[in-house]
């Protein structure tokens, strides 16, 4: 799906998150937020609880979701001795980005 980074801070001015307009569904958390070059620029973490906001304001917010910034994710990886491969890429269509990302994304469920 496509969307935009709509704010450079998350809920309650969280400076480690982006607010995004891309639709987020249950189970998307942990998935990549990709730019038009197919690069990971963030990690999906949550969506705004629209029903609660509607009860408080009388308005239903649409596509207000959140992703951890890529720099925060990179810092986490490096602190845990994982060095990601970084490169530059030309802009692509959303479909092309999806084709590039598809082999790299998988569903992982932790059972405890």
C-alpha atoms as a PDB file:
ATOM      1  CA  UNK A   1       0.000   0.000   0.000  1.00  0.00           C
ATOM      2  CA  UNK A   2       1.124   3.600  -0.310  1.00  0.00           C
ATOM      3  CA  UNK A   3       1.068   6.560   2.020  1.00  0.00           C
ATOM      4  CA  UNK A   4       3.087   9.495   3.248  1.00  0.00           C
ATOM      5  CA  UNK A   5       5.097  10.418   6.301  1.00  0.00           C
ATOM      6  CA  UNK A   6       2.672  13.001   7.604  1.00  0.00           C
ATOM      7  CA  UNK A   7       4.555  14.106  10.734  1.00  0.00           C
ATOM      8  CA  UNK A   8       8.133  13.797  11.973  1.00  0.00           C
ATOM      9  CA  UNK A   9       6.955  12.837  15.454  1.00  0.00           C
ATOM     10  CA  UNK A  10       4.575  10.235  16.776  1.00  0.00           C
ATOM     11  CA  UNK A  11       1.868  10.281  19.393  1.00  0.00           C
ATOM     12  CA  UNK A  12       2.575  12.684  22.272  1.00  0.00           C
ATOM     13  CA  UNK A  13       5.427  14.205  20.208  1.00  0.00           C
ATOM     14  CA  UNK A  14       7.442  10.959  20.286  1.00  0.00           C
ATOM     15  CA  UNK A  15      10.646  11.967  18.461  1.00  0.00           C
ATOM     16  CA  UNK A  16      11.556   8.337  17.692  1.00  0.00           C
ATOM     17  CA  UNK A  17       8.492   7.804  15.497  1.00  0.00           C
ATOM     18  CA  UNK A  18       6.929   9.027  12.282  1.00  0.00           C
ATOM     19  CA  UNK A  19       3.215   9.554  11.864  1.00  0.00           C
ATOM     20  CA  UNK A  20       2.240   7.914   8.580  1.00  0.00           C
ATOM     21  CA  UNK A  21      -0.848   7.911   6.377  1.00  0.00           C
ATOM     22  CA  UNK A  22      -0.335   4.401   4.964  1.00  0.00           C
ATOM     23  CA  UNK A  23      -3.093   2.057   6.133  1.00  0.00           C
ATOM     24  CA  UNK A  24      -2.024  -0.303   8.937  1.00  0.00           C
ATOM     25  CA  UNK A  25      -3.842  -3.527   9.784  1.00  0.00           C
ATOM     26  CA  UNK A  26      -3.520  -5.833  12.794  1.00  0.00           C
ATOM     27  CA  UNK A  27      -0.381  -7.897  12.228  1.00  0.00           C
ATOM     28  CA  UNK A  28       1.500  -5.160  10.340  1.00  0.00           C
ATOM     29  CA  UNK A  29       3.554  -4.230  13.411  1.00  0.00           C
ATOM     30  CA  UNK A  30       7.203  -5.060  12.856  1.00  0.00           C
ATOM     31  CA  UNK A  31       6.826  -4.722   9.092  1.00  0.00           C
ATOM     32  CA  UNK A  32       9.001  -2.351   7.081  1.00  0.00           C
ATOM     33  CA  UNK A  33       8.125   1.208   6.102  1.00  0.00           C
ATOM     34  CA  UNK A  34       9.725   1.554   2.669  1.00  0.00           C
ATOM     35  CA  UNK A  35      10.619   4.580   0.563  1.00  0.00           C
ATOM     36  CA  UNK A  36      10.210   4.739  -3.220  1.00  0.00           C
ATOM     37  CA  UNK A  37      13.673   3.226  -3.658  1.00  0.00           C
ATOM     38  CA  UNK A  38      12.676   0.157  -1.656  1.00  0.00           C
ATOM     39  CA  UNK A  39      14.776   1.167   1.360  1.00  0.00           C
ATOM     40  CA  UNK A  40      13.576   0.580   4.907  1.00  0.00           C
ATOM     41  CA  UNK A  41      13.031   3.999   6.484  1.00  0.00           C
ATOM     42  CA  UNK A  42      11.046   2.790   9.476  1.00  0.00           C
ATOM     43  CA  UNK A  43       9.286  -0.082  11.207  1.00  0.00           C
ATOM     44  CA  UNK A  44       5.500  -0.137  11.632  1.00  0.00           C
ATOM     45  CA  UNK A  45       4.523  -0.095  15.318  1.00  0.00           C
ATOM     46  CA  UNK A  46       0.914   0.989  15.799  1.00  0.00           C
ATOM     47  CA  UNK A  47      -2.232   2.642  14.589  1.00  0.00           C
ATOM     48  CA  UNK A  48      -4.337   5.309  16.229  1.00  0.00           C
ATOM     49  CA  UNK A  49      -7.350   3.892  18.041  1.00  0.00           C
ATOM     50  CA  UNK A  50      -9.857   5.722  15.834  1.00  0.00           C
ATOM     51  CA  UNK A  51     -12.960   4.592  17.747  1.00  0.00           C
ATOM     52  CA  UNK A  52     -11.709   6.108  21.010  1.00  0.00           C
ATOM     53  CA  UNK A  53     -10.807   9.390  19.285  1.00  0.00           C
ATOM     54  CA  UNK A  54     -14.240   9.455  17.600  1.00  0.00           C
ATOM     55  CA  UNK A  55     -15.934   9.025  20.986  1.00  0.00           C
ATOM     56  CA  UNK A  56     -13.945  11.947  22.397  1.00  0.00           C
ATOM     57  CA  UNK A  57     -14.110  14.331  19.424  1.00  0.00           C
ATOM     58  CA  UNK A  58     -17.058  13.220  17.303  1.00  0.00           C
ATOM     59  CA  UNK A  59     -14.726  12.837  14.314  1.00  0.00           C
ATOM     60  CA  UNK A  60     -13.227   9.642  12.910  1.00  0.00           C
ATOM     61  CA  UNK A  61      -9.512  10.046  12.118  1.00  0.00           C
ATOM     62  CA  UNK A  62      -8.381   8.231   8.990  1.00  0.00           C
ATOM     63  CA  UNK A  63      -5.009   6.628   8.325  1.00  0.00           C
ATOM     64  CA  UNK A  64      -3.209   7.961  11.390  1.00  0.00           C
ATOM     65  CA  UNK A  65      -0.563   5.340  12.068  1.00  0.00           C
ATOM     66  CA  UNK A  66       2.949   5.186  13.447  1.00  0.00           C
ATOM     67  CA  UNK A  67       6.373   3.769  12.592  1.00  0.00           C
ATOM     68  CA  UNK A  68       9.659   3.780  14.483  1.00  0.00           C
ATOM     69  CA  UNK A  69      12.174   5.879  12.545  1.00  0.00           C
ATOM     70  CA  UNK A  70      14.759   3.990  10.534  1.00  0.00           C
ATOM     71  CA  UNK A  71      17.609   5.616  12.444  1.00  0.00           C
ATOM     72  CA  UNK A  72      16.200   4.242  15.702  1.00  0.00           C
ATOM     73  CA  UNK A  73      15.902   0.769  14.154  1.00  0.00           C
ATOM     74  CA  UNK A  74      19.493   0.993  12.826  1.00  0.00           C
ATOM     75  CA  UNK A  75      20.790   1.961  16.270  1.00  0.00           C
ATOM     76  CA  UNK A  76      18.960  -1.037  17.766  1.00  0.00           C
ATOM     77  CA  UNK A  77      20.442  -3.412  15.185  1.00  0.00           C
ATOM     78  CA  UNK A  78      23.970  -2.091  15.644  1.00  0.00           C
ATOM     79  CA  UNK A  79      23.742  -2.298  19.455  1.00  0.00           C
ATOM     80  CA  UNK A  80      22.922  -5.971  18.918  1.00  0.00           C
ATOM     81  CA  UNK A  81      25.864  -6.547  16.556  1.00  0.00           C
ATOM     82  CA  UNK A  82      23.806  -6.651  13.351  1.00  0.00           C
ATOM     83  CA  UNK A  83      25.214  -4.548  10.513  1.00  0.00           C
ATOM     84  CA  UNK A  84      22.574  -3.990   7.833  1.00  0.00           C
ATOM     85  CA  UNK A  85      23.482  -3.545   4.189  1.00  0.00           C
ATOM     86  CA  UNK A  86      22.772   0.007   3.039  1.00  0.00           C
ATOM     87  CA  UNK A  87      22.671   1.239  -0.544  1.00  0.00           C
ATOM     88  CA  UNK A  88      21.185   3.929  -2.761  1.00  0.00           C
ATOM     89  CA  UNK A  89      18.440   3.186  -5.245  1.00  0.00           C
ATOM     90  CA  UNK A  90      16.458   4.907  -7.929  1.00  0.00           C
ATOM     91  CA  UNK A  91      12.779   5.701  -7.279  1.00  0.00           C
ATOM     92  CA  UNK A  92      10.390   2.912  -8.256  1.00  0.00           C
ATOM     93  CA  UNK A  93       6.642   2.417  -8.472  1.00  0.00           C
ATOM     94  CA  UNK A  94       4.792   1.056  -5.445  1.00  0.00           C
ATOM     95  CA  UNK A  95       4.347  -2.264  -7.264  1.00  0.00           C
ATOM     96  CA  UNK A  96       8.095  -2.505  -7.961  1.00  0.00           C
ATOM     97  CA  UNK A  97       8.921  -1.724  -4.332  1.00  0.00           C
ATOM     98  CA  UNK A  98       6.500  -4.468  -3.274  1.00  0.00           C
ATOM     99  CA  UNK A  99       8.185  -6.956  -5.600  1.00  0.00           C
ATOM    100  CA  UNK A 100      11.605  -6.072  -4.176  1.00  0.00           C
ATOM    101  CA  UNK A 101      10.439  -6.306  -0.555  1.00  0.00           C
ATOM    102  CA  UNK A 102       8.285  -9.434  -0.840  1.00  0.00           C
ATOM    103  CA  UNK A 103      11.107 -12.029  -0.623  1.00  0.00           C
ATOM    104  CA  UNK A 104      12.557 -10.251   2.433  1.00  0.00           C
ATOM    105  CA  UNK A 105       9.394 -10.078   4.546  1.00  0.00           C
ATOM    106  CA  UNK A 106       7.934 -13.012   6.441  1.00  0.00           C
ATOM    107  CA  UNK A 107       5.399 -13.672   9.153  1.00  0.00           C
ATOM    108  CA  UNK A 108       6.951 -14.596  12.480  1.00  0.00           C
ATOM    109  CA  UNK A 109       4.894 -15.539  15.507  1.00  0.00           C
ATOM    110  CA  UNK A 110       6.471 -16.060  18.929  1.00  0.00           C
ATOM    111  CA  UNK A 111       4.694 -18.565  21.145  1.00  0.00           C
ATOM    112  CA  UNK A 112       5.454 -18.498  24.817  1.00  0.00           C
END
